[in-house]
N, C-alpha and C. Protein backbone atom coordinates (compact mmCIF):
# COMPACT_ATOMS: atom_id res chain seq x y z
N MET A 1 54.76 -34.24 127.68
CA MET A 1 56.18 -34.45 127.60
C MET A 1 56.83 -33.14 127.18
N PHE A 2 57.87 -32.76 127.91
CA PHE A 2 58.56 -31.51 127.63
C PHE A 2 60.05 -31.75 127.41
N THR A 3 60.59 -31.11 126.41
CA THR A 3 62.03 -31.01 126.23
C THR A 3 62.38 -29.59 126.62
N TYR A 4 63.37 -29.45 127.48
CA TYR A 4 63.68 -28.11 127.99
C TYR A 4 65.17 -27.89 128.10
N TYR A 5 65.54 -26.62 128.12
CA TYR A 5 66.93 -26.19 128.09
C TYR A 5 67.19 -25.35 129.34
N LEU A 6 68.10 -25.82 130.16
CA LEU A 6 68.50 -25.08 131.36
C LEU A 6 69.89 -24.50 131.15
N THR A 7 70.16 -23.42 131.84
CA THR A 7 71.49 -22.82 131.75
C THR A 7 71.88 -22.18 133.08
N SER A 8 73.16 -21.94 133.21
CA SER A 8 73.73 -21.14 134.29
C SER A 8 74.89 -20.39 133.66
N LYS A 9 75.74 -19.83 134.45
CA LYS A 9 76.87 -19.10 133.90
C LYS A 9 77.85 -20.09 133.26
N GLY A 10 77.82 -20.15 131.94
CA GLY A 10 78.76 -20.98 131.22
C GLY A 10 78.37 -22.43 131.00
N MET A 11 77.31 -22.90 131.61
CA MET A 11 76.90 -24.29 131.46
C MET A 11 75.48 -24.36 130.91
N SER A 12 75.17 -25.45 130.24
CA SER A 12 73.81 -25.66 129.75
C SER A 12 73.50 -27.14 129.77
N PHE A 13 72.21 -27.43 129.78
CA PHE A 13 71.75 -28.80 129.91
C PHE A 13 70.41 -28.93 129.22
N ILE A 14 70.22 -29.96 128.42
CA ILE A 14 68.95 -30.22 127.75
C ILE A 14 68.38 -31.50 128.32
N LEU A 15 67.11 -31.45 128.73
CA LEU A 15 66.48 -32.58 129.40
C LEU A 15 65.07 -32.82 128.88
N VAL A 16 64.48 -33.92 129.34
CA VAL A 16 63.10 -34.28 129.02
C VAL A 16 62.39 -34.61 130.33
N THR A 17 61.12 -34.21 130.43
CA THR A 17 60.33 -34.53 131.61
C THR A 17 58.85 -34.60 131.25
N GLY A 18 58.10 -35.29 132.06
CA GLY A 18 56.66 -35.34 131.88
C GLY A 18 55.96 -34.27 132.70
N ASN A 19 56.64 -33.73 133.71
CA ASN A 19 56.05 -32.72 134.59
C ASN A 19 57.03 -31.57 134.73
N LEU A 20 56.91 -30.59 133.88
CA LEU A 20 57.87 -29.49 133.81
C LEU A 20 57.93 -28.68 135.11
N GLU A 21 56.79 -28.32 135.65
CA GLU A 21 56.78 -27.47 136.84
C GLU A 21 57.47 -28.16 138.03
N THR A 22 57.15 -29.41 138.27
CA THR A 22 57.78 -30.14 139.38
C THR A 22 59.27 -30.29 139.15
N ARG A 23 59.66 -30.56 137.94
CA ARG A 23 61.08 -30.77 137.62
C ARG A 23 61.88 -29.47 137.75
N ILE A 24 61.31 -28.36 137.32
CA ILE A 24 62.00 -27.07 137.44
C ILE A 24 62.14 -26.70 138.92
N LEU A 25 61.11 -26.95 139.70
CA LEU A 25 61.20 -26.69 141.14
C LEU A 25 62.34 -27.51 141.75
N ALA A 26 62.44 -28.77 141.37
CA ALA A 26 63.53 -29.61 141.87
C ALA A 26 64.90 -29.04 141.48
N HIS A 27 65.04 -28.61 140.24
CA HIS A 27 66.31 -28.02 139.80
C HIS A 27 66.63 -26.77 140.62
N LYS A 28 65.65 -25.90 140.82
CA LYS A 28 65.88 -24.66 141.56
C LYS A 28 66.22 -24.94 143.02
N ALA A 29 65.73 -26.07 143.54
CA ALA A 29 66.02 -26.45 144.92
C ALA A 29 67.34 -27.22 145.04
N GLY A 30 67.99 -27.47 143.91
CA GLY A 30 69.26 -28.17 143.94
C GLY A 30 69.13 -29.67 144.03
N ILE A 31 67.95 -30.19 143.73
CA ILE A 31 67.73 -31.64 143.81
C ILE A 31 67.30 -32.20 142.46
N GLY A 32 67.48 -31.42 141.40
CA GLY A 32 67.03 -31.82 140.07
C GLY A 32 67.86 -32.91 139.43
N SER A 33 69.15 -32.83 139.55
CA SER A 33 70.08 -33.83 139.04
C SER A 33 71.46 -33.46 139.55
N GLU A 34 72.38 -34.41 139.50
CA GLU A 34 73.73 -34.12 139.98
C GLU A 34 74.39 -33.01 139.17
N PHE A 35 74.25 -33.07 137.85
CA PHE A 35 74.87 -32.06 136.99
C PHE A 35 74.29 -30.68 137.26
N THR A 36 72.96 -30.56 137.26
CA THR A 36 72.36 -29.24 137.44
C THR A 36 72.63 -28.71 138.84
N SER A 37 72.69 -29.60 139.84
CA SER A 37 73.00 -29.16 141.20
C SER A 37 74.45 -28.68 141.30
N LYS A 38 75.35 -29.44 140.72
CA LYS A 38 76.78 -29.11 140.79
C LYS A 38 77.07 -27.75 140.16
N TYR A 39 76.41 -27.45 139.04
CA TYR A 39 76.70 -26.22 138.30
C TYR A 39 75.63 -25.14 138.46
N ASN A 40 74.71 -25.33 139.42
CA ASN A 40 73.62 -24.37 139.63
C ASN A 40 72.91 -24.04 138.32
N CYS A 41 72.64 -25.05 137.57
CA CYS A 41 72.04 -24.91 136.24
C CYS A 41 70.53 -25.05 136.39
N TYR A 42 69.85 -23.92 136.61
CA TYR A 42 68.41 -23.98 136.86
C TYR A 42 67.61 -22.87 136.20
N TYR A 43 68.22 -22.14 135.29
CA TYR A 43 67.49 -21.10 134.56
C TYR A 43 66.85 -21.72 133.33
N LEU A 44 65.53 -21.68 133.26
CA LEU A 44 64.80 -22.25 132.13
C LEU A 44 64.80 -21.25 130.98
N MET A 45 65.49 -21.61 129.91
CA MET A 45 65.63 -20.71 128.76
C MET A 45 64.69 -21.05 127.62
N TYR A 46 64.32 -22.33 127.52
CA TYR A 46 63.57 -22.78 126.35
C TYR A 46 62.81 -24.05 126.71
N VAL A 47 61.62 -24.20 126.14
CA VAL A 47 60.83 -25.42 126.37
C VAL A 47 59.99 -25.73 125.14
N GLU A 48 59.86 -27.01 124.85
CA GLU A 48 58.97 -27.49 123.80
C GLU A 48 58.07 -28.56 124.42
N ASN A 49 56.82 -28.61 123.99
CA ASN A 49 55.85 -29.57 124.51
C ASN A 49 55.52 -30.59 123.42
N PHE A 50 55.49 -31.87 123.79
CA PHE A 50 55.19 -32.95 122.86
C PHE A 50 54.12 -33.87 123.44
N ASP A 51 53.29 -34.41 122.59
CA ASP A 51 52.27 -35.35 123.01
C ASP A 51 52.83 -36.76 123.18
N ASN A 52 53.95 -37.03 122.55
CA ASN A 52 54.51 -38.37 122.54
C ASN A 52 55.90 -38.37 123.16
N ILE A 53 56.13 -39.25 124.12
CA ILE A 53 57.42 -39.31 124.81
C ILE A 53 58.57 -39.60 123.85
N ASN A 54 58.35 -40.46 122.89
CA ASN A 54 59.41 -40.81 121.94
C ASN A 54 59.83 -39.61 121.10
N VAL A 55 58.86 -38.79 120.74
CA VAL A 55 59.17 -37.58 119.97
C VAL A 55 59.97 -36.60 120.83
N GLY A 56 59.59 -36.47 122.10
CA GLY A 56 60.32 -35.59 123.02
C GLY A 56 61.76 -36.03 123.23
N ILE A 57 61.95 -37.33 123.39
CA ILE A 57 63.30 -37.87 123.58
C ILE A 57 64.13 -37.69 122.31
N LYS A 58 63.51 -37.92 121.16
CA LYS A 58 64.21 -37.73 119.88
C LYS A 58 64.65 -36.28 119.73
N ARG A 59 63.78 -35.35 120.12
CA ARG A 59 64.11 -33.92 120.02
C ARG A 59 65.24 -33.57 120.99
N GLU A 60 65.20 -34.13 122.20
CA GLU A 60 66.27 -33.90 123.17
C GLU A 60 67.62 -34.31 122.57
N LYS A 61 67.67 -35.49 122.00
CA LYS A 61 68.91 -35.99 121.41
C LYS A 61 69.37 -35.11 120.25
N GLN A 62 68.41 -34.66 119.45
CA GLN A 62 68.74 -33.79 118.32
C GLN A 62 69.37 -32.49 118.82
N LEU A 63 68.72 -31.86 119.81
CA LEU A 63 69.24 -30.59 120.33
C LEU A 63 70.60 -30.76 120.99
N LYS A 64 70.83 -31.86 121.65
CA LYS A 64 72.13 -32.09 122.29
C LYS A 64 73.26 -32.15 121.26
N ASN A 65 72.94 -32.52 120.03
CA ASN A 65 73.96 -32.60 118.99
C ASN A 65 74.14 -31.31 118.20
N TRP A 66 73.33 -30.33 118.49
CA TRP A 66 73.44 -29.05 117.78
C TRP A 66 74.66 -28.27 118.26
N HIS A 67 75.16 -27.40 117.39
CA HIS A 67 76.21 -26.45 117.77
C HIS A 67 75.63 -25.42 118.74
N ARG A 68 76.48 -24.91 119.58
CA ARG A 68 76.06 -23.92 120.59
C ARG A 68 75.32 -22.74 119.95
N ASP A 69 75.84 -22.21 118.85
CA ASP A 69 75.20 -21.06 118.19
C ASP A 69 73.79 -21.39 117.72
N TRP A 70 73.58 -22.60 117.23
CA TRP A 70 72.24 -23.00 116.80
C TRP A 70 71.27 -23.00 117.98
N LYS A 71 71.74 -23.50 119.12
CA LYS A 71 70.90 -23.55 120.32
C LYS A 71 70.55 -22.13 120.78
N ILE A 72 71.54 -21.25 120.79
CA ILE A 72 71.30 -19.88 121.21
C ILE A 72 70.29 -19.20 120.28
N ASN A 73 70.43 -19.41 118.99
CA ASN A 73 69.47 -18.84 118.05
C ASN A 73 68.07 -19.39 118.25
N LEU A 74 67.96 -20.66 118.55
CA LEU A 74 66.65 -21.27 118.84
C LEU A 74 66.02 -20.62 120.06
N ILE A 75 66.82 -20.46 121.10
CA ILE A 75 66.32 -19.83 122.33
C ILE A 75 65.88 -18.39 122.06
N LYS A 76 66.73 -17.63 121.40
CA LYS A 76 66.43 -16.23 121.13
C LYS A 76 65.19 -16.05 120.27
N ASP A 77 64.88 -17.05 119.45
CA ASP A 77 63.68 -16.98 118.62
C ASP A 77 62.41 -16.90 119.47
N ARG A 78 62.42 -17.56 120.62
CA ARG A 78 61.24 -17.55 121.51
C ARG A 78 61.46 -16.75 122.78
N ASN A 79 62.71 -16.54 123.15
CA ASN A 79 63.05 -15.88 124.41
C ASN A 79 64.17 -14.89 124.12
N ASN A 80 63.84 -13.85 123.36
CA ASN A 80 64.88 -12.95 122.85
C ASN A 80 65.64 -12.18 123.93
N VAL A 81 65.10 -12.05 125.12
CA VAL A 81 65.82 -11.36 126.19
C VAL A 81 66.64 -12.34 127.03
N MET A 82 66.55 -13.63 126.69
CA MET A 82 67.34 -14.67 127.36
C MET A 82 67.19 -14.61 128.89
N GLU A 83 65.93 -14.57 129.33
CA GLU A 83 65.68 -14.56 130.77
C GLU A 83 65.07 -15.88 131.20
N ASP A 84 65.14 -16.16 132.48
CA ASP A 84 64.59 -17.39 133.06
C ASP A 84 63.07 -17.38 132.87
N LEU A 85 62.56 -18.31 132.08
CA LEU A 85 61.12 -18.38 131.83
C LEU A 85 60.34 -18.77 133.08
N ALA A 86 61.02 -19.37 134.05
CA ALA A 86 60.37 -19.83 135.28
C ALA A 86 60.70 -18.93 136.47
N LYS A 87 61.17 -17.73 136.22
CA LYS A 87 61.63 -16.86 137.32
C LYS A 87 60.53 -16.52 138.32
N ASP A 88 59.29 -16.51 137.89
CA ASP A 88 58.19 -16.15 138.78
C ASP A 88 57.31 -17.34 139.16
N TRP A 89 57.76 -18.54 138.88
CA TRP A 89 56.95 -19.72 139.15
C TRP A 89 56.90 -20.09 140.63
N PHE A 90 57.97 -19.80 141.37
CA PHE A 90 58.08 -20.28 142.75
C PHE A 90 58.59 -19.18 143.66
N THR A 91 58.20 -19.28 144.92
CA THR A 91 58.73 -18.39 145.94
C THR A 91 59.95 -19.05 146.59
N GLU A 92 60.69 -18.29 147.34
CA GLU A 92 61.82 -18.86 148.09
C GLU A 92 61.33 -19.94 149.05
N TYR A 93 60.13 -19.73 149.59
CA TYR A 93 59.52 -20.72 150.49
C TYR A 93 59.28 -22.04 149.75
N ASP A 94 58.75 -21.95 148.53
CA ASP A 94 58.51 -23.16 147.72
C ASP A 94 59.81 -23.92 147.49
N ILE A 95 60.85 -23.18 147.14
CA ILE A 95 62.14 -23.80 146.83
C ILE A 95 62.74 -24.45 148.08
N LYS A 96 62.67 -23.75 149.20
CA LYS A 96 63.20 -24.31 150.45
C LYS A 96 62.46 -25.56 150.84
N ASN A 97 61.15 -25.55 150.74
CA ASN A 97 60.35 -26.70 151.12
C ASN A 97 60.47 -27.87 150.15
N ALA A 98 60.81 -27.61 148.93
CA ALA A 98 61.03 -28.69 147.97
C ALA A 98 62.17 -29.57 148.42
N LYS A 99 63.21 -28.99 149.01
CA LYS A 99 64.33 -29.76 149.52
C LYS A 99 63.89 -30.67 150.66
N GLU A 100 63.00 -30.18 151.49
CA GLU A 100 62.52 -30.96 152.63
C GLU A 100 61.60 -32.11 152.22
N ILE A 101 60.87 -31.93 151.14
CA ILE A 101 59.95 -32.96 150.65
C ILE A 101 60.72 -34.17 150.14
N GLN A 102 61.83 -33.91 149.46
CA GLN A 102 62.62 -35.00 148.88
C GLN A 102 63.23 -35.77 150.01
């Protein structure tokens, strides 16, 4: 179970998933969710891994209630250059074909 933080220019989104790689591919292909598709919110800034789904969901809710500055500090603690952690996970071919699979 993963709690993860996506961002784009000016927008951010905190989510939970059981399969991070598949879910990030879907977001990058524009099929991840209506919100992330609408705002091109697919840069993975932060991720936490949990053994228990309930703990992951609880953490997601906690992070959603945090102030923006707290979230940025949390991200910078693990990703100080604030770059997409999944930037090298997929090729353009992978992303294009993900749309066709759905």
